[in-house]
Amino acid sequence: MWLRRPAVRAFADRVTVPSTVESRFMTDYLAEFGVRPDWDLHARGGGNSFIQMSTELLAGLDLPPLDAAVLAYHLPDLKVVEVAGCFLTEHCDGSPTVFSVAGQGVGAPFTALRILRSMQVAGELRDGAVFVFDQSTIPYRDPDTHDNDVRDSAVLLCTGTVDGAVLDFVSEKPVIDLADALTVVLQRNPGARVVAGHLLASRLGDEFLTRHGIVAGPSRQLCTSAWAAVAENWPVDSVVVVADYDPHAGRLFQAGLRPGALL
């Protein structure tokens, strides 16, 4: 499967006030866990919904008709009435089938790409896209978001040969020692450029990153971190291994890219 250069957007904070329905929804939801909503914490978030981020991300892009679009994220949309999937079906050529991948932390975009790749191999998809979101507006504490001061951002990963690279593989596995696991990755991919998302890079440390020439993703991003760094270092003129780590599940996610000339 071919991938175009990722489209990346970072978003300025905007003021958002929860509607009566949203306030009631979050109050009832959190009550099941014995938690009260923290609306002061909510007010300190970035305030950008999935639809708002999608609108700006798609502006000016010339995408092919899509058979499928996948939303990949750590935190769900701050809006509970507006449905981003319906918005994308209506606004993307091809009226794509839309579904979400979540509950895997920073691994969500890797799993979404693996799904699209499998659909293409099965003949069920010609072109598809992954909309990767980091949003930071929630009325409860999320350690990954708040400890890393994550801000709102989005990345679009779309199939296509224009300025493209080949998605060679996508994998995930449990790991105990990250340094050992990354050493194995480097040994199996000699000469490859490794791009690490923030949750992985921050655990490897600056000395390890520098010694092995690993590119670190932006520190105030989660699911979008590794892929924003890939876009920054495009075009893919040699083998690239994109990697990130979900500390809660202890799983290392990887995706391999290579220039089309190496087919």
C-alpha atoms as a PDB file:
ATOM      1  CA  MET A   1       0.000   0.000   0.000  1.00  0.00           C
ATOM      2  CA  TRP A   2       1.243   3.475  -0.912  1.00  0.00           C
ATOM      3  CA  LEU A   3       0.982   6.456   1.427  1.00  0.00           C
ATOM      4  CA  ARG A   4       1.149  10.125   0.547  1.00  0.00           C
ATOM      5  CA  ARG A   5       3.104  12.607   2.614  1.00  0.00           C
ATOM      6  CA  PRO A   6       1.151  13.084   5.872  1.00  0.00           C
ATOM      7  CA  ALA A   7      -0.787  16.320   6.163  1.00  0.00           C
ATOM      8  CA  VAL A   8      -0.269  17.910   9.574  1.00  0.00           C
ATOM      9  CA  ARG A   9      -2.061  20.687  11.414  1.00  0.00           C
ATOM     10  CA  ALA A  10      -1.599  22.157  14.908  1.00  0.00           C
ATOM     11  CA  PHE A  11      -4.498  24.176  16.275  1.00  0.00           C
ATOM     12  CA  ALA A  12      -4.672  27.297  18.385  1.00  0.00           C
ATOM     13  CA  ASP A  13      -6.715  27.049  21.549  1.00  0.00           C
ATOM     14  CA  ARG A  14     -10.303  28.169  21.309  1.00  0.00           C
ATOM     15  CA  VAL A  15     -12.874  28.806  24.007  1.00  0.00           C
ATOM     16  CA  THR A  16     -15.480  26.075  24.233  1.00  0.00           C
ATOM     17  CA  VAL A  17     -18.364  25.854  26.661  1.00  0.00           C
ATOM     18  CA  PRO A  18     -20.111  22.500  27.035  1.00  0.00           C
ATOM     19  CA  SER A  19     -23.748  22.460  26.056  1.00  0.00           C
ATOM     20  CA  THR A  20     -26.420  21.304  28.472  1.00  0.00           C
ATOM     21  CA  VAL A  21     -26.499  17.904  26.753  1.00  0.00           C
ATOM     22  CA  GLU A  22     -22.690  17.560  26.859  1.00  0.00           C
ATOM     23  CA  SER A  23     -22.564  18.598  30.511  1.00  0.00           C
ATOM     24  CA  ARG A  24     -25.264  16.104  31.471  1.00  0.00           C
ATOM     25  CA  PHE A  25     -23.626  13.352  29.427  1.00  0.00           C
ATOM     26  CA  MET A  26     -20.200  13.777  31.066  1.00  0.00           C
ATOM     27  CA  THR A  27     -21.716  14.131  34.547  1.00  0.00           C
ATOM     28  CA  ASP A  28     -23.677  10.892  34.159  1.00  0.00           C
ATOM     29  CA  TYR A  29     -20.756   9.094  32.511  1.00  0.00           C
ATOM     30  CA  LEU A  30     -18.210  10.012  35.194  1.00  0.00           C
ATOM     31  CA  ALA A  31     -20.680   9.263  37.995  1.00  0.00           C
ATOM     32  CA  GLU A  32     -20.376   5.578  37.059  1.00  0.00           C
ATOM     33  CA  PHE A  33     -16.719   5.812  38.147  1.00  0.00           C
ATOM     34  CA  GLY A  34     -17.406   7.875  41.257  1.00  0.00           C
ATOM     35  CA  VAL A  35     -15.892  10.993  39.662  1.00  0.00           C
ATOM     36  CA  ARG A  36     -17.293  14.490  39.313  1.00  0.00           C
ATOM     37  CA  PRO A  37     -16.491  16.495  36.179  1.00  0.00           C
ATOM     38  CA  ASP A  38     -13.774  19.116  36.575  1.00  0.00           C
ATOM     39  CA  TRP A  39     -15.030  21.947  34.371  1.00  0.00           C
ATOM     40  CA  ASP A  40     -12.027  24.139  35.192  1.00  0.00           C
ATOM     41  CA  LEU A  41      -9.772  21.442  33.730  1.00  0.00           C
ATOM     42  CA  HIS A  42     -12.114  21.188  30.743  1.00  0.00           C
ATOM     43  CA  ALA A  43     -11.798  24.955  30.165  1.00  0.00           C
ATOM     44  CA  ARG A  44      -7.993  24.679  29.986  1.00  0.00           C
ATOM     45  CA  GLY A  45      -8.182  22.276  27.020  1.00  0.00           C
ATOM     46  CA  GLY A  46      -7.574  23.202  23.410  1.00  0.00           C
ATOM     47  CA  GLY A  47     -11.271  23.382  22.567  1.00  0.00           C
ATOM     48  CA  ASN A  48     -11.084  21.915  19.046  1.00  0.00           C
ATOM     49  CA  SER A  49     -13.552  19.214  18.056  1.00  0.00           C
ATOM     50  CA  PHE A  50     -12.861  16.458  15.538  1.00  0.00           C
ATOM     51  CA  ILE A  51     -15.082  18.185  12.980  1.00  0.00           C
ATOM     52  CA  GLN A  52     -13.318  21.519  13.444  1.00  0.00           C
ATOM     53  CA  MET A  53      -9.923  19.877  13.056  1.00  0.00           C
ATOM     54  CA  SER A  54     -11.070  17.820  10.053  1.00  0.00           C
ATOM     55  CA  THR A  55     -12.384  20.914   8.298  1.00  0.00           C
ATOM     56  CA  GLU A  56      -9.047  22.724   8.556  1.00  0.00           C
ATOM     57  CA  LEU A  57      -7.032  19.591   7.826  1.00  0.00           C
ATOM     58  CA  LEU A  58      -8.915  18.901   4.586  1.00  0.00           C
ATOM     59  CA  ALA A  59      -8.831  22.502   3.340  1.00  0.00           C
ATOM     60  CA  GLY A  60      -6.878  22.737   0.095  1.00  0.00           C
ATOM     61  CA  LEU A  61      -6.145  19.006  -0.158  1.00  0.00           C
ATOM     62  CA  ASP A  62      -6.922  17.068  -3.326  1.00  0.00           C
ATOM     63  CA  LEU A  63      -7.819  13.589  -2.111  1.00  0.00           C
ATOM     64  CA  PRO A  64      -8.903  10.639  -4.226  1.00  0.00           C
ATOM     65  CA  PRO A  65     -12.392   9.189  -3.749  1.00  0.00           C
ATOM     66  CA  LEU A  66     -12.157   7.237  -0.488  1.00  0.00           C
ATOM     67  CA  ASP A  67     -13.612   3.817   0.193  1.00  0.00           C
ATOM     68  CA  ALA A  68     -12.911   4.059   3.927  1.00  0.00           C
ATOM     69  CA  ALA A  69     -11.855   6.666   6.460  1.00  0.00           C
ATOM     70  CA  VAL A  70     -10.660   5.730   9.929  1.00  0.00           C
ATOM     71  CA  LEU A  71     -10.601   8.003  12.970  1.00  0.00           C
ATOM     72  CA  ALA A  72      -7.665   7.169  15.261  1.00  0.00           C
ATOM     73  CA  TYR A  73      -7.286   8.820  18.650  1.00  0.00           C
ATOM     74  CA  HIS A  74      -6.489   8.495  22.348  1.00  0.00           C
ATOM     75  CA  LEU A  75      -9.185  10.759  23.803  1.00  0.00           C
ATOM     76  CA  PRO A  76     -12.650  10.796  22.216  1.00  0.00           C
ATOM     77  CA  ASP A  77     -14.203  13.832  20.579  1.00  0.00           C
ATOM     78  CA  LEU A  78     -15.155  16.639  22.947  1.00  0.00           C
ATOM     79  CA  LYS A  79     -18.524  16.817  21.158  1.00  0.00           C
ATOM     80  CA  VAL A  80     -21.043  14.085  21.945  1.00  0.00           C
ATOM     81  CA  VAL A  81     -23.846  15.221  19.629  1.00  0.00           C
ATOM     82  CA  GLU A  82     -21.939  16.129  16.449  1.00  0.00           C
ATOM     83  CA  VAL A  83     -20.673  12.979  14.741  1.00  0.00           C
ATOM     84  CA  ALA A  84     -17.338  13.375  12.957  1.00  0.00           C
ATOM     85  CA  GLY A  85     -17.825  10.148  11.011  1.00  0.00           C
ATOM     86  CA  CYS A  86     -21.023  11.416   9.385  1.00  0.00           C
ATOM     87  CA  PHE A  87     -19.284  14.697   8.592  1.00  0.00           C
ATOM     88  CA  LEU A  88     -16.433  12.899   6.813  1.00  0.00           C
ATOM     89  CA  THR A  89     -18.789  10.661   4.856  1.00  0.00           C
ATOM     90  CA  GLU A  90     -20.576  13.767   3.575  1.00  0.00           C
ATOM     91  CA  HIS A  91     -17.480  15.872   2.870  1.00  0.00           C
ATOM     92  CA  CYS A  92     -15.028  13.345   1.390  1.00  0.00           C
ATOM     93  CA  ASP A  93     -15.327  12.194  -2.217  1.00  0.00           C
ATOM     94  CA  GLY A  94     -16.482   8.601  -2.453  1.00  0.00           C
ATOM     95  CA  SER A  95     -18.795   8.810   0.602  1.00  0.00           C
ATOM     96  CA  PRO A  96     -16.411   6.548   2.547  1.00  0.00           C
ATOM     97  CA  THR A  97     -17.373   4.086   5.215  1.00  0.00           C
ATOM     98  CA  VAL A  98     -16.117   5.600   8.469  1.00  0.00           C
ATOM     99  CA  PHE A  99     -15.171   3.893  11.725  1.00  0.00           C
ATOM    100  CA  SER A 100     -12.896   4.542  14.682  1.00  0.00           C
ATOM    101  CA  VAL A 101      -9.881   2.903  16.292  1.00  0.00           C
ATOM    102  CA  ALA A 102      -9.265   3.851  19.921  1.00  0.00           C
ATOM    103  CA  GLY A 103      -8.397   2.329  23.273  1.00  0.00           C
ATOM    104  CA  GLN A 104      -4.791   1.691  22.192  1.00  0.00           C
ATOM    105  CA  GLY A 105      -3.207   5.019  23.062  1.00  0.00           C
ATOM    106  CA  VAL A 106      -0.597   6.050  20.507  1.00  0.00           C
ATOM    107  CA  GLY A 107      -0.995   2.692  18.780  1.00  0.00           C
ATOM    108  CA  ALA A 108      -4.344   3.711  17.260  1.00  0.00           C
ATOM    109  CA  PRO A 109      -2.988   5.091  13.941  1.00  0.00           C
ATOM    110  CA  PHE A 110      -0.767   2.038  13.472  1.00  0.00           C
ATOM    111  CA  THR A 111      -3.717  -0.308  13.903  1.00  0.00           C
ATOM    112  CA  ALA A 112      -5.823   1.844  11.573  1.00  0.00           C
ATOM    113  CA  LEU A 113      -3.153   1.589   8.871  1.00  0.00           C
ATOM    114  CA  ARG A 114      -2.977  -2.174   9.335  1.00  0.00           C
ATOM    115  CA  ILE A 115      -6.735  -2.396   8.827  1.00  0.00           C
ATOM    116  CA  LEU A 116      -6.634  -0.314   5.620  1.00  0.00           C
ATOM    117  CA  ARG A 117      -3.709  -2.367   4.310  1.00  0.00           C
ATOM    118  CA  SER A 118      -5.608  -5.607   4.945  1.00  0.00           C
ATOM    119  CA  MET A 119      -8.713  -4.198   3.255  1.00  0.00           C
ATOM    120  CA  GLN A 120      -6.658  -3.274   0.202  1.00  0.00           C
ATOM    121  CA  VAL A 121      -5.038  -6.717   0.029  1.00  0.00           C
ATOM    122  CA  ALA A 122      -8.511  -8.278   0.236  1.00  0.00           C
ATOM    123  CA  GLY A 123      -9.697  -6.138  -2.679  1.00  0.00           C
ATOM    124  CA  GLU A 124     -12.154  -4.207  -0.500  1.00  0.00           C
ATOM    125  CA  LEU A 125     -10.405  -0.855  -0.796  1.00  0.00           C
ATOM    126  CA  ARG A 126      -8.728   1.194  -3.470  1.00  0.00           C
ATOM    127  CA  ASP A 127      -8.039   4.345  -1.462  1.00  0.00           C
ATOM    128  CA  GLY A 128      -8.524   5.174   2.186  1.00  0.00           C
ATOM    129  CA  ALA A 129      -7.410   7.596   4.851  1.00  0.00           C
ATOM    130  CA  VAL A 130      -6.633   7.700   8.554  1.00  0.00           C
ATOM    131  CA  PHE A 131      -7.577  10.863  10.454  1.00  0.00           C
ATOM    132  CA  VAL A 132      -5.353  10.981  13.540  1.00  0.00           C
ATOM    133  CA  PHE A 133      -6.476  13.316  16.330  1.00  0.00           C
ATOM    134  CA  ASP A 134      -5.009  14.648  19.544  1.00  0.00           C
ATOM    135  CA  GLN A 135      -7.606  16.631  21.451  1.00  0.00           C
ATOM    136  CA  SER A 136      -7.135  17.893  24.981  1.00  0.00           C
ATOM    137  CA  THR A 137     -10.543  19.028  26.270  1.00  0.00           C
ATOM    138  CA  ILE A 138     -11.922  16.724  28.967  1.00  0.00           C
ATOM    139  CA  PRO A 139     -13.434  17.290  32.434  1.00  0.00           C
ATOM    140  CA  TYR A 140     -11.276  14.645  34.131  1.00  0.00           C
ATOM    141  CA  ARG A 141      -7.560  14.017  34.453  1.00  0.00           C
ATOM    142  CA  ASP A 142      -5.848  11.926  31.792  1.00  0.00           C
ATOM    143  CA  PRO A 143      -2.163  11.344  32.669  1.00  0.00           C
ATOM    144  CA  ASP A 144      -0.926  10.973  29.078  1.00  0.00           C
ATOM    145  CA  THR A 145      -2.627  14.204  28.025  1.00  0.00           C
ATOM    146  CA  HIS A 146      -2.038  16.380  31.053  1.00  0.00           C
ATOM    147  CA  ASP A 147       1.431  15.177  32.091  1.00  0.00           C
ATOM    148  CA  ASN A 148       2.674  15.903  28.558  1.00  0.00           C
ATOM    149  CA  ASP A 149       0.747  19.185  28.168  1.00  0.00           C
ATOM    150  CA  VAL A 150      -0.718  17.851  24.923  1.00  0.00           C
ATOM    151  CA  ARG A 151      -2.235  20.385  22.557  1.00  0.00           C
ATOM    152  CA  ASP A 152      -4.760  19.865  19.788  1.00  0.00           C
ATOM    153  CA  SER A 153      -3.340  18.568  16.509  1.00  0.00           C
ATOM    154  CA  ALA A 154      -4.312  16.335  13.605  1.00  0.00           C
ATOM    155  CA  VAL A 155      -2.584  14.269  10.932  1.00  0.00           C
ATOM    156  CA  LEU A 156      -4.060  12.826   7.744  1.00  0.00           C
ATOM    157  CA  LEU A 157      -2.540   9.604   6.402  1.00  0.00           C
ATOM    158  CA  CYS A 158      -3.919   8.951   2.936  1.00  0.00           C
ATOM    159  CA  THR A 159      -3.179   6.312   0.339  1.00  0.00           C
ATOM    160  CA  GLY A 160      -1.733   7.428  -2.981  1.00  0.00           C
ATOM    161  CA  THR A 161       1.406   7.374  -5.094  1.00  0.00           C
ATOM    162  CA  VAL A 162       1.732  11.168  -5.474  1.00  0.00           C
ATOM    163  CA  ASP A 163       4.849  12.101  -3.489  1.00  0.00           C
ATOM    164  CA  GLY A 164       4.312   8.690  -1.912  1.00  0.00           C
ATOM    165  CA  ALA A 165       6.116   5.893  -0.136  1.00  0.00           C
ATOM    166  CA  VAL A 166       5.304   2.201   0.243  1.00  0.00           C
ATOM    167  CA  LEU A 167       3.902   1.001   3.555  1.00  0.00           C
ATOM    168  CA  ASP A 168       5.984  -2.141   3.895  1.00  0.00           C
ATOM    169  CA  PHE A 169       4.724  -3.484   7.208  1.00  0.00           C
ATOM    170  CA  VAL A 170       2.796  -2.610  10.362  1.00  0.00           C
ATOM    171  CA  SER A 171       3.335  -4.527  13.586  1.00  0.00           C
ATOM    172  CA  GLU A 172       2.914  -4.447  17.342  1.00  0.00           C
ATOM    173  CA  LYS A 173       4.377  -6.543  20.120  1.00  0.00           C
ATOM    174  CA  PRO A 174       4.750  -6.547  23.906  1.00  0.00           C
ATOM    175  CA  VAL A 175       8.167  -5.425  25.134  1.00  0.00           C
ATOM    176  CA  ILE A 176       9.881  -5.376  28.513  1.00  0.00           C
ATOM    177  CA  ASP A 177      13.070  -3.443  27.759  1.00  0.00           C
ATOM    178  CA  LEU A 178      12.546  -0.643  25.236  1.00  0.00           C
ATOM    179  CA  ALA A 179      16.256  -0.044  24.589  1.00  0.00           C
ATOM    180  CA  ASP A 180      16.750  -3.725  23.789  1.00  0.00           C
ATOM    181  CA  ALA A 181      13.657  -3.746  21.574  1.00  0.00           C
ATOM    182  CA  LEU A 182      14.845  -0.688  19.609  1.00  0.00           C
ATOM    183  CA  THR A 183      18.318  -2.155  19.261  1.00  0.00           C
ATOM    184  CA  VAL A 184      16.721  -5.193  17.602  1.00  0.00           C
ATOM    185  CA  VAL A 185      14.735  -2.872  15.303  1.00  0.00           C
ATOM    186  CA  LEU A 186      17.963  -1.127  14.255  1.00  0.00           C
ATOM    187  CA  GLN A 187      19.736  -4.439  13.691  1.00  0.00           C
ATOM    188  CA  ARG A 188      16.910  -5.780  11.530  1.00  0.00           C
ATOM    189  CA  ASN A 189      16.740  -2.577   9.482  1.00  0.00           C
ATOM    190  CA  PRO A 190      20.359  -1.552   8.860  1.00  0.00           C
ATOM    191  CA  GLY A 191      20.630   1.938   7.423  1.00  0.00           C
ATOM    192  CA  ALA A 192      17.004   2.755   8.241  1.00  0.00           C
ATOM    193  CA  ARG A 193      15.935   6.073   9.717  1.00  0.00           C
ATOM    194  CA  VAL A 194      13.926   5.483  12.879  1.00  0.00           C
ATOM    195  CA  VAL A 195      11.246   8.025  13.810  1.00  0.00           C
ATOM    196  CA  ALA A 196       9.960   7.744  17.375  1.00  0.00           C
ATOM    197  CA  GLY A 197       6.810   9.298  18.797  1.00  0.00           C
ATOM    198  CA  HIS A 198       7.133  11.247  22.024  1.00  0.00           C
ATOM    199  CA  LEU A 199       6.023   8.506  24.420  1.00  0.00           C
ATOM    200  CA  LEU A 200       8.708   6.232  22.996  1.00  0.00           C
ATOM    201  CA  ALA A 201      11.422   8.861  22.577  1.00  0.00           C
ATOM    202  CA  SER A 202      10.995  10.201  26.121  1.00  0.00           C
ATOM    203  CA  ARG A 203      11.585   6.719  27.539  1.00  0.00           C
ATOM    204  CA  LEU A 204      14.646   5.997  25.408  1.00  0.00           C
ATOM    205  CA  GLY A 205      16.411   9.175  26.516  1.00  0.00           C
ATOM    206  CA  ASP A 206      18.463  11.758  24.631  1.00  0.00           C
ATOM    207  CA  GLU A 207      21.715   9.793  24.743  1.00  0.00           C
ATOM    208  CA  PHE A 208      20.159   6.717  23.105  1.00  0.00           C
ATOM    209  CA  LEU A 209      18.366   8.820  20.499  1.00  0.00           C
ATOM    210  CA  THR A 210      21.520  10.737  19.581  1.00  0.00           C
ATOM    211  CA  ARG A 211      23.755   7.664  19.483  1.00  0.00           C
ATOM    212  CA  HIS A 212      21.440   5.889  17.045  1.00  0.00           C
ATOM    213  CA  GLY A 213      20.309   8.934  15.047  1.00  0.00           C
ATOM    214  CA  ILE A 214      16.653   8.450  16.008  1.00  0.00           C
ATOM    215  CA  VAL A 215      14.305  11.297  15.099  1.00  0.00           C
ATOM    216  CA  ALA A 216      12.025  12.265  18.007  1.00  0.00           C
ATOM    217  CA  GLY A 217       8.476  13.459  17.443  1.00  0.00           C
ATOM    218  CA  PRO A 218       7.012  16.634  18.979  1.00  0.00           C
ATOM    219  CA  SER A 219       6.732  16.501  22.757  1.00  0.00           C
ATOM    220  CA  ARG A 220       3.241  18.008  23.114  1.00  0.00           C
ATOM    221  CA  GLN A 221       1.565  15.444  20.889  1.00  0.00           C
ATOM    222  CA  LEU A 222       0.480  11.838  21.411  1.00  0.00           C
ATOM    223  CA  CYS A 223      -1.070   9.900  18.522  1.00  0.00           C
ATOM    224  CA  THR A 224       0.116  12.507  16.009  1.00  0.00           C
ATOM    225  CA  SER A 225       3.688  12.825  17.326  1.00  0.00           C
ATOM    226  CA  ALA A 226       5.500  10.173  15.291  1.00  0.00           C
ATOM    227  CA  TRP A 227       3.583  10.954  12.111  1.00  0.00           C
ATOM    228  CA  ALA A 228       4.194  14.698  12.376  1.00  0.00           C
ATOM    229  CA  ALA A 229       7.918  13.900  12.532  1.00  0.00           C
ATOM    230  CA  VAL A 230       7.580  11.665   9.467  1.00  0.00           C
ATOM    231  CA  ALA A 231       6.001  14.540   7.538  1.00  0.00           C
ATOM    232  CA  GLU A 232       8.764  16.879   8.675  1.00  0.00           C
ATOM    233  CA  ASN A 233      11.380  14.479   7.284  1.00  0.00           C
ATOM    234  CA  TRP A 234       9.606  13.687   3.999  1.00  0.00           C
ATOM    235  CA  PRO A 235      10.314  12.596   1.278  1.00  0.00           C
ATOM    236  CA  VAL A 236      11.128   9.012   2.138  1.00  0.00           C
ATOM    237  CA  ASP A 237      14.436   8.483   0.325  1.00  0.00           C
ATOM    238  CA  SER A 238      15.508   5.427   2.343  1.00  0.00           C
ATOM    239  CA  VAL A 239      13.868   2.868   4.598  1.00  0.00           C
ATOM    240  CA  VAL A 240      12.031   4.505   7.518  1.00  0.00           C
ATOM    241  CA  VAL A 241      10.725   2.766  10.623  1.00  0.00           C
ATOM    242  CA  VAL A 242       8.028   4.726  12.463  1.00  0.00           C
ATOM    243  CA  ALA A 243       7.588   3.614  16.069  1.00  0.00           C
ATOM    244  CA  ASP A 244       5.774   4.513  19.259  1.00  0.00           C
ATOM    245  CA  TYR A 245       5.058   2.922  22.622  1.00  0.00           C
ATOM    246  CA  ASP A 246       1.915   2.484  24.687  1.00  0.00           C
ATOM    247  CA  PRO A 247       3.147   2.381  28.301  1.00  0.00           C
ATOM    248  CA  HIS A 248      -0.180   1.130  29.653  1.00  0.00           C
ATOM    249  CA  ALA A 249      -0.227  -2.039  27.558  1.00  0.00           C
ATOM    250  CA  GLY A 250       3.564  -2.246  27.277  1.00  0.00           C
ATOM    251  CA  ARG A 251       3.351  -2.591  23.485  1.00  0.00           C
ATOM    252  CA  LEU A 252       5.697  -1.296  20.801  1.00  0.00           C
ATOM    253  CA  PHE A 253       4.042  -0.264  17.529  1.00  0.00           C
ATOM    254  CA  GLN A 254       5.999  -0.053  14.260  1.00  0.00           C
ATOM    255  CA  ALA A 255       5.371   0.803  10.631  1.00  0.00           C
ATOM    256  CA  GLY A 256       7.917   0.443   7.831  1.00  0.00           C
ATOM    257  CA  LEU A 257       8.083   2.853   4.877  1.00  0.00           C
ATOM    258  CA  ARG A 258      10.316   2.650   1.831  1.00  0.00           C
ATOM    259  CA  PRO A 259      10.715   4.608  -1.388  1.00  0.00           C
ATOM    260  CA  GLY A 260       8.768   3.307  -4.350  1.00  0.00           C
ATOM    261  CA  ALA A 261      12.069   3.006  -6.218  1.00  0.00           C
ATOM    262  CA  LEU A 262      12.956   0.095  -3.928  1.00  0.00           C
ATOM    263  CA  LEU A 263      10.011  -1.989  -5.142  1.00  0.00           C
END
